[in-house]
Amino acid sequence: MSRREIQNHHFFHIVDKSPWPIMCALCLLFLTSSAVLWFHTGVSTFFNFSLLILVISSCLWFRDVIREGTFEGHHTIEVQTSLKYGMFLFIISEVMFFFSFFWTFFHSSLSPTTQIGSIWPPLEITVLNTWEVPALNTAILLTSGASITLAHYAILKNEREEVINGFLITLFLAVLFTSFQLMEYFGSSYHISDSVYGSVFFTLTGFHGIHVFIGTCFILVCFFRFLNYHFTPNHHFGFQAASWYWHFVDVVWILLFCTVYLWGNSYNDGLNDSLIRFFLK
């Protein structure tokens, strides 16, 4: 039992007053509002300023949480259990977030309107080759999921060198995935404004890319924390939460690859018609 637990006579953390939650909430409000202004007027000054303040406020908030859990001993077993429930609910909210975009994709692809030629992908849209960058990125992301899992097991076994190798491999693959995704964007023959296909494609893959970037930052922070001996085999929830988030990103990409790239891009090849006839037999 820590000194703070003895002083409070309980195992729970009564959070101190902090300005960062309200700051982050206001920054998110201004970020979305300024994004709408940017889309309609082309002025991105307010968006960039809101994003900068959000990043600074988030870093200071996370700094305080790391101090509370690592140096002040607030994250007891009961507190860690509550944090696990919170992370689980957060991932559930992310599932609902992506569910709405997948719903849009299937609504548009299963019943294409006459405005896009009653076919999916729409006429005049040259889709990306499924078995080039998308397939390579799938292999990269699945490999990174395996490496982060190996790092987790190495933490449990207290094998420091293996943990560092797992971190480095995961971070390298994450940066490689993002680089290939950007290369695919710049090489695409269509844009987000090119019919509903472009809107759905870039919204789905773009938001997934943002989640990959956030997960990469999450793992990078955990890597530096591990180098500073913040994690032990019995106390490493920060890393555990990062690994959960990364596995969620993996699962979303698999669904995205199978639907948007594999199934959605094969409509003109007659594969969809064959599948429909097969299941209707």
C-alpha atoms as a PDB file:
ATOM      1  CA  MET A   1       0.000   0.000   0.000  1.00  0.00           C
ATOM      2  CA  SER A   2       1.396   3.398  -0.991  1.00  0.00           C
ATOM      3  CA  ARG A   3       1.654   6.437   1.276  1.00  0.00           C
ATOM      4  CA  ARG A   4      -1.188   8.157  -0.586  1.00  0.00           C
ATOM      5  CA  GLU A   5      -3.460   5.131  -0.106  1.00  0.00           C
ATOM      6  CA  ILE A   6      -2.725   5.063   3.634  1.00  0.00           C
ATOM      7  CA  GLN A   7      -3.447   8.797   3.879  1.00  0.00           C
ATOM      8  CA  ASN A   8      -6.770   8.560   1.996  1.00  0.00           C
ATOM      9  CA  HIS A   9      -7.812   5.198   3.508  1.00  0.00           C
ATOM     10  CA  HIS A  10      -8.970   3.918   0.105  1.00  0.00           C
ATOM     11  CA  PHE A  11      -7.534   2.577  -3.128  1.00  0.00           C
ATOM     12  CA  PHE A  12      -9.157   5.060  -5.527  1.00  0.00           C
ATOM     13  CA  HIS A  13      -7.778   8.210  -7.090  1.00  0.00           C
ATOM     14  CA  ILE A  14      -9.585  11.453  -6.345  1.00  0.00           C
ATOM     15  CA  VAL A  15      -8.486  13.476  -9.360  1.00  0.00           C
ATOM     16  CA  ASP A  16      -7.078  16.945  -8.698  1.00  0.00           C
ATOM     17  CA  LYS A  17      -8.534  19.967 -10.448  1.00  0.00           C
ATOM     18  CA  SER A  18      -7.068  20.345 -13.945  1.00  0.00           C
ATOM     19  CA  PRO A  19      -7.614  22.895 -16.744  1.00  0.00           C
ATOM     20  CA  TRP A  20      -6.697  20.439 -19.516  1.00  0.00           C
ATOM     21  CA  PRO A  21     -10.030  18.594 -19.973  1.00  0.00           C
ATOM     22  CA  ILE A  22     -12.001  21.808 -20.561  1.00  0.00           C
ATOM     23  CA  MET A  23      -9.178  23.180 -22.717  1.00  0.00           C
ATOM     24  CA  CYS A  24      -9.199  20.069 -24.923  1.00  0.00           C
ATOM     25  CA  ALA A  25     -13.003  20.147 -25.166  1.00  0.00           C
ATOM     26  CA  LEU A  26     -13.010  23.803 -26.254  1.00  0.00           C
ATOM     27  CA  CYS A  27     -10.186  23.175 -28.723  1.00  0.00           C
ATOM     28  CA  LEU A  28     -12.137  20.296 -30.283  1.00  0.00           C
ATOM     29  CA  LEU A  29     -15.185  22.561 -30.612  1.00  0.00           C
ATOM     30  CA  PHE A  30     -13.127  25.296 -32.265  1.00  0.00           C
ATOM     31  CA  LEU A  31     -11.323  22.705 -34.402  1.00  0.00           C
ATOM     32  CA  THR A  32     -14.532  21.376 -35.958  1.00  0.00           C
ATOM     33  CA  SER A  33     -15.995  24.852 -36.381  1.00  0.00           C
ATOM     34  CA  SER A  34     -12.843  26.209 -37.988  1.00  0.00           C
ATOM     35  CA  ALA A  35     -12.689  23.134 -40.245  1.00  0.00           C
ATOM     36  CA  VAL A  36     -16.116  24.046 -41.646  1.00  0.00           C
ATOM     37  CA  LEU A  37     -14.893  27.626 -42.119  1.00  0.00           C
ATOM     38  CA  TRP A  38     -11.788  26.322 -43.883  1.00  0.00           C
ATOM     39  CA  PHE A  39     -13.824  24.156 -46.269  1.00  0.00           C
ATOM     40  CA  HIS A  40     -16.112  27.033 -47.244  1.00  0.00           C
ATOM     41  CA  THR A  41     -13.691  29.972 -47.333  1.00  0.00           C
ATOM     42  CA  GLY A  42     -10.264  28.400 -47.783  1.00  0.00           C
ATOM     43  CA  VAL A  43      -8.923  30.160 -44.670  1.00  0.00           C
ATOM     44  CA  SER A  44      -7.092  27.628 -42.483  1.00  0.00           C
ATOM     45  CA  THR A  45      -5.598  30.018 -39.896  1.00  0.00           C
ATOM     46  CA  PHE A  46      -8.176  29.295 -37.172  1.00  0.00           C
ATOM     47  CA  PHE A  47      -7.973  25.543 -37.844  1.00  0.00           C
ATOM     48  CA  ASN A  48      -4.175  25.513 -37.516  1.00  0.00           C
ATOM     49  CA  PHE A  49      -4.294  27.580 -34.334  1.00  0.00           C
ATOM     50  CA  SER A  50      -6.964  25.324 -32.754  1.00  0.00           C
ATOM     51  CA  LEU A  51      -4.973  22.232 -33.708  1.00  0.00           C
ATOM     52  CA  LEU A  52      -1.803  23.666 -32.157  1.00  0.00           C
ATOM     53  CA  ILE A  53      -3.525  24.521 -28.860  1.00  0.00           C
ATOM     54  CA  LEU A  54      -5.186  21.076 -28.824  1.00  0.00           C
ATOM     55  CA  VAL A  55      -1.834  19.307 -29.243  1.00  0.00           C
ATOM     56  CA  ILE A  56      -0.217  21.397 -26.487  1.00  0.00           C
ATOM     57  CA  SER A  57      -3.140  20.892 -24.070  1.00  0.00           C
ATOM     58  CA  SER A  58      -3.224  17.145 -24.773  1.00  0.00           C
ATOM     59  CA  CYS A  59       0.522  16.788 -24.158  1.00  0.00           C
ATOM     60  CA  LEU A  60       0.268  18.634 -20.841  1.00  0.00           C
ATOM     61  CA  TRP A  61      -2.736  16.548 -19.817  1.00  0.00           C
ATOM     62  CA  PHE A  62      -0.976  13.286 -20.677  1.00  0.00           C
ATOM     63  CA  ARG A  63       2.110  14.516 -18.804  1.00  0.00           C
ATOM     64  CA  ASP A  64       0.025  14.953 -15.651  1.00  0.00           C
ATOM     65  CA  VAL A  65      -1.539  11.496 -16.047  1.00  0.00           C
ATOM     66  CA  ILE A  66       1.909   9.908 -16.434  1.00  0.00           C
ATOM     67  CA  ARG A  67       3.099  11.697 -13.299  1.00  0.00           C
ATOM     68  CA  GLU A  68       0.044  10.535 -11.337  1.00  0.00           C
ATOM     69  CA  GLY A  69       0.443   6.912 -12.380  1.00  0.00           C
ATOM     70  CA  THR A  70       4.236   6.574 -12.392  1.00  0.00           C
ATOM     71  CA  PHE A  71       5.636   8.885  -9.711  1.00  0.00           C
ATOM     72  CA  GLU A  72       2.715   9.601  -7.352  1.00  0.00           C
ATOM     73  CA  GLY A  73       1.364   6.051  -7.099  1.00  0.00           C
ATOM     74  CA  HIS A  74      -2.276   6.918  -7.830  1.00  0.00           C
ATOM     75  CA  HIS A  75      -2.878   4.099 -10.326  1.00  0.00           C
ATOM     76  CA  THR A  76      -3.669   1.257  -7.959  1.00  0.00           C
ATOM     77  CA  ILE A  77      -5.183  -2.052  -9.081  1.00  0.00           C
ATOM     78  CA  GLU A  78      -8.696  -0.617  -8.665  1.00  0.00           C
ATOM     79  CA  VAL A  79      -7.809   2.508 -10.639  1.00  0.00           C
ATOM     80  CA  GLN A  80      -6.226   0.422 -13.403  1.00  0.00           C
ATOM     81  CA  THR A  81      -9.430  -1.627 -13.618  1.00  0.00           C
ATOM     82  CA  SER A  82     -11.432   1.570 -14.108  1.00  0.00           C
ATOM     83  CA  LEU A  83      -8.951   2.717 -16.754  1.00  0.00           C
ATOM     84  CA  LYS A  84      -9.377  -0.594 -18.579  1.00  0.00           C
ATOM     85  CA  TYR A  85     -13.152  -0.129 -18.627  1.00  0.00           C
ATOM     86  CA  GLY A  86     -12.669   3.412 -19.918  1.00  0.00           C
ATOM     87  CA  MET A  87     -10.340   2.261 -22.701  1.00  0.00           C
ATOM     88  CA  PHE A  88     -12.760  -0.502 -23.629  1.00  0.00           C
ATOM     89  CA  LEU A  89     -15.656   1.968 -23.896  1.00  0.00           C
ATOM     90  CA  PHE A  90     -13.491   4.319 -25.934  1.00  0.00           C
ATOM     91  CA  ILE A  91     -12.723   1.549 -28.432  1.00  0.00           C
ATOM     92  CA  ILE A  92     -16.451   0.727 -28.592  1.00  0.00           C
ATOM     93  CA  SER A  93     -17.127   4.377 -29.479  1.00  0.00           C
ATOM     94  CA  GLU A  94     -14.487   4.123 -32.209  1.00  0.00           C
ATOM     95  CA  VAL A  95     -16.214   0.995 -33.533  1.00  0.00           C
ATOM     96  CA  MET A  96     -19.452   2.984 -33.825  1.00  0.00           C
ATOM     97  CA  PHE A  97     -17.548   5.800 -35.523  1.00  0.00           C
ATOM     98  CA  PHE A  98     -16.213   3.547 -38.275  1.00  0.00           C
ATOM     99  CA  PHE A  99     -19.505   1.649 -38.474  1.00  0.00           C
ATOM    100  CA  SER A 100     -21.179   4.813 -39.768  1.00  0.00           C
ATOM    101  CA  PHE A 101     -18.629   5.129 -42.577  1.00  0.00           C
ATOM    102  CA  PHE A 102     -18.902   1.473 -43.545  1.00  0.00           C
ATOM    103  CA  TRP A 103     -22.692   1.915 -43.591  1.00  0.00           C
ATOM    104  CA  THR A 104     -22.237   4.790 -46.041  1.00  0.00           C
ATOM    105  CA  PHE A 105     -19.984   2.651 -48.217  1.00  0.00           C
ATOM    106  CA  PHE A 106     -22.430  -0.259 -48.431  1.00  0.00           C
ATOM    107  CA  HIS A 107     -25.406   2.067 -48.922  1.00  0.00           C
ATOM    108  CA  SER A 108     -23.653   3.642 -51.910  1.00  0.00           C
ATOM    109  CA  SER A 109     -22.099   0.499 -53.400  1.00  0.00           C
ATOM    110  CA  LEU A 110     -25.005  -1.951 -53.087  1.00  0.00           C
ATOM    111  CA  SER A 111     -27.470   0.438 -54.702  1.00  0.00           C
ATOM    112  CA  PRO A 112     -25.528   2.785 -57.002  1.00  0.00           C
ATOM    113  CA  THR A 113     -27.628   5.622 -58.382  1.00  0.00           C
ATOM    114  CA  THR A 114     -28.074   6.561 -62.015  1.00  0.00           C
ATOM    115  CA  GLN A 115     -25.954   9.685 -61.470  1.00  0.00           C
ATOM    116  CA  ILE A 116     -22.857   7.474 -61.183  1.00  0.00           C
ATOM    117  CA  GLY A 117     -23.881   5.104 -63.955  1.00  0.00           C
ATOM    118  CA  SER A 118     -25.731   2.562 -61.763  1.00  0.00           C
ATOM    119  CA  ILE A 119     -22.456   0.727 -61.249  1.00  0.00           C
ATOM    120  CA  TRP A 120     -19.808   0.502 -58.557  1.00  0.00           C
ATOM    121  CA  PRO A 121     -17.123   1.757 -58.868  1.00  0.00           C
ATOM    122  CA  PRO A 122     -18.703   4.628 -60.828  1.00  0.00           C
ATOM    123  CA  LEU A 123     -17.972   5.238 -64.456  1.00  0.00           C
ATOM    124  CA  GLU A 124     -14.790   7.192 -65.230  1.00  0.00           C
ATOM    125  CA  ILE A 125     -13.236   6.100 -61.911  1.00  0.00           C
ATOM    126  CA  THR A 126      -9.985   4.172 -62.330  1.00  0.00           C
ATOM    127  CA  VAL A 127      -9.619   2.295 -59.069  1.00  0.00           C
ATOM    128  CA  LEU A 128      -6.316   1.458 -57.401  1.00  0.00           C
ATOM    129  CA  ASN A 129      -4.878  -1.998 -57.853  1.00  0.00           C
ATOM    130  CA  THR A 130      -5.891  -4.048 -54.804  1.00  0.00           C
ATOM    131  CA  TRP A 131      -2.821  -6.283 -54.936  1.00  0.00           C
ATOM    132  CA  GLU A 132      -0.197  -3.563 -54.998  1.00  0.00           C
ATOM    133  CA  VAL A 133       0.032  -0.959 -52.195  1.00  0.00           C
ATOM    134  CA  PRO A 134      -3.181  -2.021 -50.357  1.00  0.00           C
ATOM    135  CA  ALA A 135      -2.076  -5.668 -50.099  1.00  0.00           C
ATOM    136  CA  LEU A 136       1.427  -4.616 -49.068  1.00  0.00           C
ATOM    137  CA  ASN A 137       0.031  -2.293 -46.400  1.00  0.00           C
ATOM    138  CA  THR A 138      -2.134  -5.138 -45.108  1.00  0.00           C
ATOM    139  CA  ALA A 139       0.922  -7.334 -44.613  1.00  0.00           C
ATOM    140  CA  ILE A 140       2.803  -4.450 -42.975  1.00  0.00           C
ATOM    141  CA  LEU A 141       0.017  -3.634 -40.515  1.00  0.00           C
ATOM    142  CA  LEU A 142      -0.587  -7.279 -39.559  1.00  0.00           C
ATOM    143  CA  THR A 143       3.151  -7.728 -38.969  1.00  0.00           C
ATOM    144  CA  SER A 144       3.187  -4.647 -36.744  1.00  0.00           C
ATOM    145  CA  GLY A 145       0.329  -6.158 -34.733  1.00  0.00           C
ATOM    146  CA  ALA A 146       2.431  -9.267 -34.193  1.00  0.00           C
ATOM    147  CA  SER A 147       5.494  -7.248 -33.149  1.00  0.00           C
ATOM    148  CA  ILE A 148       3.568  -5.171 -30.603  1.00  0.00           C
ATOM    149  CA  THR A 149       2.159  -8.408 -29.162  1.00  0.00           C
ATOM    150  CA  LEU A 150       5.666  -9.842 -28.848  1.00  0.00           C
ATOM    151  CA  ALA A 151       6.738  -6.659 -27.062  1.00  0.00           C
ATOM    152  CA  HIS A 152       3.841  -7.105 -24.634  1.00  0.00           C
ATOM    153  CA  TYR A 153       4.839 -10.670 -23.834  1.00  0.00           C
ATOM    154  CA  ALA A 154       8.448  -9.535 -23.413  1.00  0.00           C
ATOM    155  CA  ILE A 155       7.330  -6.961 -20.846  1.00  0.00           C
ATOM    156  CA  LEU A 156       5.525  -9.679 -18.932  1.00  0.00           C
ATOM    157  CA  LYS A 157       8.726 -11.774 -18.987  1.00  0.00           C
ATOM    158  CA  ASN A 158      10.849  -8.694 -18.105  1.00  0.00           C
ATOM    159  CA  GLU A 159      13.091  -9.140 -21.161  1.00  0.00           C
ATOM    160  CA  ARG A 160      14.146  -5.580 -21.872  1.00  0.00           C
ATOM    161  CA  GLU A 161      16.031  -6.106 -25.138  1.00  0.00           C
ATOM    162  CA  GLU A 162      13.130  -7.972 -26.737  1.00  0.00           C
ATOM    163  CA  VAL A 163      10.739  -5.225 -25.702  1.00  0.00           C
ATOM    164  CA  ILE A 164      12.923  -2.574 -27.320  1.00  0.00           C
ATOM    165  CA  ASN A 165      13.166  -4.628 -30.524  1.00  0.00           C
ATOM    166  CA  GLY A 166       9.385  -5.058 -30.569  1.00  0.00           C
ATOM    167  CA  PHE A 167       8.882  -1.317 -30.161  1.00  0.00           C
ATOM    168  CA  LEU A 168      11.355  -0.438 -32.906  1.00  0.00           C
ATOM    169  CA  ILE A 169       9.874  -2.938 -35.370  1.00  0.00           C
ATOM    170  CA  THR A 170       6.335  -1.708 -34.685  1.00  0.00           C
ATOM    171  CA  LEU A 171       7.272   1.965 -35.063  1.00  0.00           C
ATOM    172  CA  PHE A 172       9.200   1.280 -38.275  1.00  0.00           C
ATOM    173  CA  LEU A 173       6.268  -0.623 -39.782  1.00  0.00           C
ATOM    174  CA  ALA A 174       3.825   2.076 -38.687  1.00  0.00           C
ATOM    175  CA  VAL A 175       5.850   4.801 -40.416  1.00  0.00           C
ATOM    176  CA  LEU A 176       6.217   2.555 -43.472  1.00  0.00           C
ATOM    177  CA  PHE A 177       2.449   2.003 -43.624  1.00  0.00           C
ATOM    178  CA  THR A 178       1.749   5.737 -43.425  1.00  0.00           C
ATOM    179  CA  SER A 179       4.352   6.481 -46.104  1.00  0.00           C
ATOM    180  CA  PHE A 180       2.828   3.972 -48.518  1.00  0.00           C
ATOM    181  CA  GLN A 181      -0.655   5.338 -47.773  1.00  0.00           C
ATOM    182  CA  LEU A 182       0.461   8.869 -48.643  1.00  0.00           C
ATOM    183  CA  MET A 183       2.184   7.581 -51.784  1.00  0.00           C
ATOM    184  CA  GLU A 184      -1.086   5.905 -52.774  1.00  0.00           C
ATOM    185  CA  TYR A 185      -2.992   9.158 -52.239  1.00  0.00           C
ATOM    186  CA  PHE A 186      -0.628  11.219 -54.379  1.00  0.00           C
ATOM    187  CA  GLY A 187      -0.714   8.586 -57.137  1.00  0.00           C
ATOM    188  CA  SER A 188      -4.493   8.295 -57.211  1.00  0.00           C
ATOM    189  CA  SER A 189      -6.297   9.417 -60.365  1.00  0.00           C
ATOM    190  CA  TYR A 190      -9.366  10.605 -58.414  1.00  0.00           C
ATOM    191  CA  HIS A 191      -9.930  12.906 -55.468  1.00  0.00           C
ATOM    192  CA  ILE A 192     -12.311  13.264 -52.539  1.00  0.00           C
ATOM    193  CA  SER A 193     -14.634  15.437 -54.655  1.00  0.00           C
ATOM    194  CA  ASP A 194     -14.934  12.847 -57.444  1.00  0.00           C
ATOM    195  CA  SER A 195     -18.412  11.404 -56.879  1.00  0.00           C
ATOM    196  CA  VAL A 196     -19.495   9.426 -53.837  1.00  0.00           C
ATOM    197  CA  TYR A 197     -16.732   6.884 -54.469  1.00  0.00           C
ATOM    198  CA  GLY A 198     -13.972   9.424 -53.891  1.00  0.00           C
ATOM    199  CA  SER A 199     -15.729  10.820 -50.833  1.00  0.00           C
ATOM    200  CA  VAL A 200     -16.245   7.408 -49.236  1.00  0.00           C
ATOM    201  CA  PHE A 201     -12.783   6.118 -50.143  1.00  0.00           C
ATOM    202  CA  PHE A 202     -10.800   9.067 -48.825  1.00  0.00           C
ATOM    203  CA  THR A 203     -13.011   9.448 -45.745  1.00  0.00           C
ATOM    204  CA  LEU A 204     -12.620   5.807 -44.725  1.00  0.00           C
ATOM    205  CA  THR A 205      -8.934   5.435 -45.520  1.00  0.00           C
ATOM    206  CA  GLY A 206      -8.153   8.973 -44.325  1.00  0.00           C
ATOM    207  CA  PHE A 207      -9.723   8.531 -40.898  1.00  0.00           C
ATOM    208  CA  HIS A 208      -8.024   5.167 -40.592  1.00  0.00           C
ATOM    209  CA  GLY A 209      -4.737   6.851 -41.468  1.00  0.00           C
ATOM    210  CA  ILE A 210      -5.348   9.446 -38.755  1.00  0.00           C
ATOM    211  CA  HIS A 211      -5.914   6.613 -36.278  1.00  0.00           C
ATOM    212  CA  VAL A 212      -2.677   4.971 -37.422  1.00  0.00           C
ATOM    213  CA  PHE A 213      -0.845   8.247 -36.793  1.00  0.00           C
ATOM    214  CA  ILE A 214      -2.411   8.617 -33.332  1.00  0.00           C
ATOM    215  CA  GLY A 215      -1.557   4.993 -32.524  1.00  0.00           C
ATOM    216  CA  THR A 216       2.024   5.572 -33.684  1.00  0.00           C
ATOM    217  CA  CYS A 217       2.341   8.564 -31.346  1.00  0.00           C
ATOM    218  CA  PHE A 218       0.794   6.477 -28.555  1.00  0.00           C
ATOM    219  CA  ILE A 219       3.346   3.694 -29.036  1.00  0.00           C
ATOM    220  CA  LEU A 220       6.213   6.188 -29.393  1.00  0.00           C
ATOM    221  CA  VAL A 221       5.360   7.740 -26.014  1.00  0.00           C
ATOM    222  CA  CYS A 222       5.195   4.259 -24.470  1.00  0.00           C
ATOM    223  CA  PHE A 223       8.599   3.485 -25.982  1.00  0.00           C
ATOM    224  CA  PHE A 224      10.218   6.503 -24.326  1.00  0.00           C
ATOM    225  CA  ARG A 225       8.448   5.676 -21.073  1.00  0.00           C
ATOM    226  CA  PHE A 226       9.819   2.160 -21.226  1.00  0.00           C
ATOM    227  CA  LEU A 227      13.341   3.482 -21.820  1.00  0.00           C
ATOM    228  CA  ASN A 228      12.892   5.503 -18.610  1.00  0.00           C
ATOM    229  CA  TYR A 229      11.767   2.398 -16.664  1.00  0.00           C
ATOM    230  CA  HIS A 230       8.128   3.471 -16.267  1.00  0.00           C
ATOM    231  CA  PHE A 231       6.792  -0.032 -16.982  1.00  0.00           C
ATOM    232  CA  THR A 232       7.070  -3.220 -14.953  1.00  0.00           C
ATOM    233  CA  PRO A 233       5.573  -6.683 -15.566  1.00  0.00           C
ATOM    234  CA  ASN A 234       2.792  -5.828 -13.086  1.00  0.00           C
ATOM    235  CA  HIS A 235       2.291  -2.147 -13.915  1.00  0.00           C
ATOM    236  CA  HIS A 236       2.183  -1.285 -17.619  1.00  0.00           C
ATOM    237  CA  PHE A 237      -1.394  -0.342 -18.458  1.00  0.00           C
ATOM    238  CA  GLY A 238      -0.267   2.589 -20.630  1.00  0.00           C
ATOM    239  CA  PHE A 239       1.427   0.174 -22.987  1.00  0.00           C
ATOM    240  CA  GLN A 240      -1.466  -2.280 -22.752  1.00  0.00           C
ATOM    241  CA  ALA A 241      -3.912   0.438 -23.816  1.00  0.00           C
ATOM    242  CA  ALA A 242      -1.637   1.338 -26.748  1.00  0.00           C
ATOM    243  CA  SER A 243      -1.530  -2.299 -27.883  1.00  0.00           C
ATOM    244  CA  TRP A 244      -5.339  -2.584 -27.659  1.00  0.00           C
ATOM    245  CA  TYR A 245      -5.704   0.537 -29.768  1.00  0.00           C
ATOM    246  CA  TRP A 246      -3.201  -0.769 -32.329  1.00  0.00           C
ATOM    247  CA  HIS A 247      -5.021  -4.093 -32.643  1.00  0.00           C
ATOM    248  CA  PHE A 248      -8.255  -2.163 -33.181  1.00  0.00           C
ATOM    249  CA  VAL A 249      -6.561  -0.265 -36.022  1.00  0.00           C
ATOM    250  CA  ASP A 250      -5.482  -3.627 -37.482  1.00  0.00           C
ATOM    251  CA  VAL A 251      -9.020  -5.014 -37.424  1.00  0.00           C
ATOM    252  CA  VAL A 252     -10.462  -1.878 -39.048  1.00  0.00           C
ATOM    253  CA  TRP A 253      -7.880  -2.087 -41.839  1.00  0.00           C
ATOM    254  CA  ILE A 254      -8.690  -5.747 -42.523  1.00  0.00           C
ATOM    255  CA  LEU A 255     -12.380  -4.865 -42.861  1.00  0.00           C
ATOM    256  CA  LEU A 256     -11.487  -1.859 -44.997  1.00  0.00           C
ATOM    257  CA  PHE A 257      -9.235  -3.896 -47.268  1.00  0.00           C
ATOM    258  CA  CYS A 258     -11.819  -6.665 -47.722  1.00  0.00           C
ATOM    259  CA  THR A 259     -14.705  -4.283 -48.446  1.00  0.00           C
ATOM    260  CA  VAL A 260     -13.360  -1.120 -50.093  1.00  0.00           C
ATOM    261  CA  TYR A 261     -10.339  -2.507 -51.926  1.00  0.00           C
ATOM    262  CA  LEU A 262     -11.160  -6.162 -52.562  1.00  0.00           C
ATOM    263  CA  TRP A 263     -14.942  -6.377 -52.828  1.00  0.00           C
ATOM    264  CA  GLY A 264     -15.732  -2.799 -53.865  1.00  0.00           C
ATOM    265  CA  ASN A 265     -13.128  -2.650 -56.623  1.00  0.00           C
ATOM    266  CA  SER A 266     -14.154  -5.984 -58.154  1.00  0.00           C
ATOM    267  CA  TYR A 267     -17.661  -4.976 -59.178  1.00  0.00           C
ATOM    268  CA  ASN A 268     -16.725  -4.390 -62.792  1.00  0.00           C
ATOM    269  CA  ASP A 269     -15.003  -7.769 -62.969  1.00  0.00           C
ATOM    270  CA  GLY A 270     -18.239  -9.598 -62.289  1.00  0.00           C
ATOM    271  CA  LEU A 271     -17.081 -11.016 -58.965  1.00  0.00           C
ATOM    272  CA  ASN A 272     -19.953  -9.428 -57.038  1.00  0.00           C
ATOM    273  CA  ASP A 273     -22.547 -10.870 -59.412  1.00  0.00           C
ATOM    274  CA  SER A 274     -21.000 -14.310 -59.035  1.00  0.00           C
ATOM    275  CA  LEU A 275     -21.072 -14.058 -55.247  1.00  0.00           C
ATOM    276  CA  ILE A 276     -24.690 -12.923 -55.240  1.00  0.00           C
ATOM    277  CA  ARG A 277     -25.748 -15.789 -57.491  1.00  0.00           C
ATOM    278  CA  PHE A 278     -23.802 -18.221 -55.284  1.00  0.00           C
ATOM    279  CA  PHE A 279     -25.535 -17.139 -52.066  1.00  0.00           C
ATOM    280  CA  LEU A 280     -28.962 -17.020 -53.691  1.00  0.00           C
ATOM    281  CA  LYS A 281     -28.763 -20.668 -54.744  1.00  0.00           C
END
